Protein backbone atom coordinates (compact mmCIF):
# COMPACT_ATOMS: atom_id res chain seq x y z
CA MET A 1 -18.19 17.33 7.81
CA SER A 2 -21.77 16.14 7.65
CA LEU A 3 -24.16 14.16 9.99
CA ASP A 4 -23.45 10.90 8.16
CA GLU A 5 -19.82 11.38 8.31
CA ILE A 6 -18.93 11.14 12.07
CA TRP A 7 -17.74 8.00 13.95
CA LEU A 8 -17.01 8.42 17.50
CA ARG A 9 -14.67 5.93 19.17
CA GLU A 10 -13.33 5.33 22.57
CA PRO A 11 -9.65 6.08 23.80
CA GLU A 12 -6.65 4.45 22.25
CA ILE A 13 -6.28 1.74 25.17
CA GLN A 14 -3.15 0.36 23.77
CA ASN A 15 -1.53 3.25 25.76
CA LEU A 16 -1.22 1.57 29.20
CA GLU A 17 -2.01 4.78 31.17
CA VAL A 18 -5.03 5.35 29.20
CA GLN A 19 -5.96 1.63 29.26
CA ALA A 20 -5.85 1.62 33.20
CA ILE A 21 -8.18 4.73 33.54
CA TYR A 22 -10.55 3.23 30.71
CA ASN A 23 -10.71 0.01 32.68
CA GLU A 24 -11.19 1.58 36.23
CA MET A 25 -13.89 3.80 34.84
CA TYR A 26 -15.77 0.93 33.12
CA SER A 27 -15.49 -1.31 36.13
CA LYS A 28 -17.38 1.29 38.29
CA ILE A 29 -20.58 0.94 36.11
CA PRO A 30 -22.66 -1.35 38.34
CA TRP A 31 -23.91 -3.83 35.97
CA VAL A 32 -20.64 -4.53 34.59
CA MET A 33 -19.56 -6.67 37.56
CA GLN A 34 -22.93 -8.12 37.86
CA TYR A 35 -22.65 -9.23 34.33
CA LEU A 36 -19.44 -10.83 35.07
CA GLU A 37 -20.45 -12.49 38.41
CA GLY A 38 -21.53 -15.90 36.35
CA CYS A 39 -17.68 -16.00 34.76
CA SER A 40 -15.18 -18.39 36.15
CA ASN A 41 -12.01 -15.96 35.96
CA THR A 42 -13.65 -12.42 36.15
CA GLU A 43 -10.37 -10.52 35.77
CA LEU A 44 -9.39 -12.32 32.62
CA ASP A 45 -12.91 -12.27 31.30
CA PHE A 46 -13.01 -8.37 31.92
CA GLU A 47 -9.53 -7.82 30.48
CA ASN A 48 -10.78 -9.89 27.46
CA TRP A 49 -13.96 -7.92 27.14
CA MET A 50 -12.07 -4.44 27.25
CA LYS A 51 -9.75 -5.78 24.31
CA ARG A 52 -12.49 -6.92 22.28
CA ASP A 53 -14.13 -3.48 22.63
CA TYR A 54 -11.12 -1.71 21.63
CA LEU A 55 -10.72 -4.35 18.70
CA PHE A 56 -14.15 -3.34 17.58
CA ALA A 57 -13.64 0.31 17.76
CA ASP A 58 -10.47 0.03 15.90
CA SER A 59 -12.29 -1.94 13.07
CA VAL A 60 -14.96 0.52 12.88
CA LEU A 61 -12.38 3.48 12.52
CA LYS A 62 -10.67 1.57 9.75
CA ASP A 63 -14.00 0.79 7.95
CA ALA A 64 -15.15 4.38 8.33
CA THR A 65 -11.80 5.57 6.90
CA LYS A 66 -11.75 3.28 3.86
CA LEU A 67 -15.09 4.38 3.28
CA GLY A 68 -14.07 7.95 3.22
CA TYR A 69 -15.89 8.98 6.22
CA SER A 70 -14.47 11.70 8.57
CA THR A 71 -13.76 10.44 11.99
CA LEU A 72 -13.46 11.65 15.40
CA VAL A 73 -11.29 9.89 17.82
CA VAL A 74 -11.66 10.57 21.47
CA ASP A 75 -8.57 9.83 22.96
CA GLY A 76 -7.78 12.99 25.18
CA GLU A 77 -5.77 14.83 22.80
CA ARG A 78 -8.59 17.48 22.55
CA THR A 79 -10.64 18.84 25.37
CA ILE A 80 -14.15 18.20 25.81
CA ASP A 81 -14.96 21.51 24.57
CA GLU A 82 -13.06 21.05 21.67
CA ASN A 83 -14.72 17.67 21.06
CA LEU A 84 -18.06 19.37 21.47
CA ASP A 85 -17.31 22.16 18.85
CA ILE A 86 -16.80 19.64 16.47
CA ILE A 87 -19.95 17.66 17.29
CA GLU A 88 -21.99 20.83 17.29
CA GLU A 89 -20.74 21.54 13.98
CA VAL A 90 -21.56 18.20 12.30
CA PHE A 91 -24.78 18.00 13.93
CA LYS A 92 -25.80 21.74 13.40
CA VAL A 93 -26.87 22.26 17.06
CA LYS A 94 -25.95 24.07 20.08
CA CYS A 95 -25.30 21.45 23.02
CA ARG A 96 -23.71 23.60 25.67
CA SER A 97 -27.11 25.26 26.82
CA CYS A 98 -28.39 21.92 27.61
CA LEU A 99 -25.41 20.61 29.57
CA PRO A 100 -25.53 21.19 33.53
CA LYS A 101 -23.60 23.71 35.14
CA THR A 102 -20.40 22.81 36.82
CA ALA A 103 -18.86 24.49 39.60
């Protein structure tokens, strides 16, 4: 896999449990609710926004696959460390030394 052969994608949000987690995490970003303040139906608009993001990610994945690129779908099937191993291999870097230490 080379540098130009990696595409990252958000979790598969058709899975209702994952969708709920994705929506909860995204809704905690301060500017998201500020952005939706001017909308007449913030709940529906937020839901539509999340669906649009999923459909965009899905179309990028399909295009990348059609063009013959390798893809990395981040959907919870691999651990963060496993995903990081793939990214380090593709970019030929070691990222772990740059990450903050966790307790």
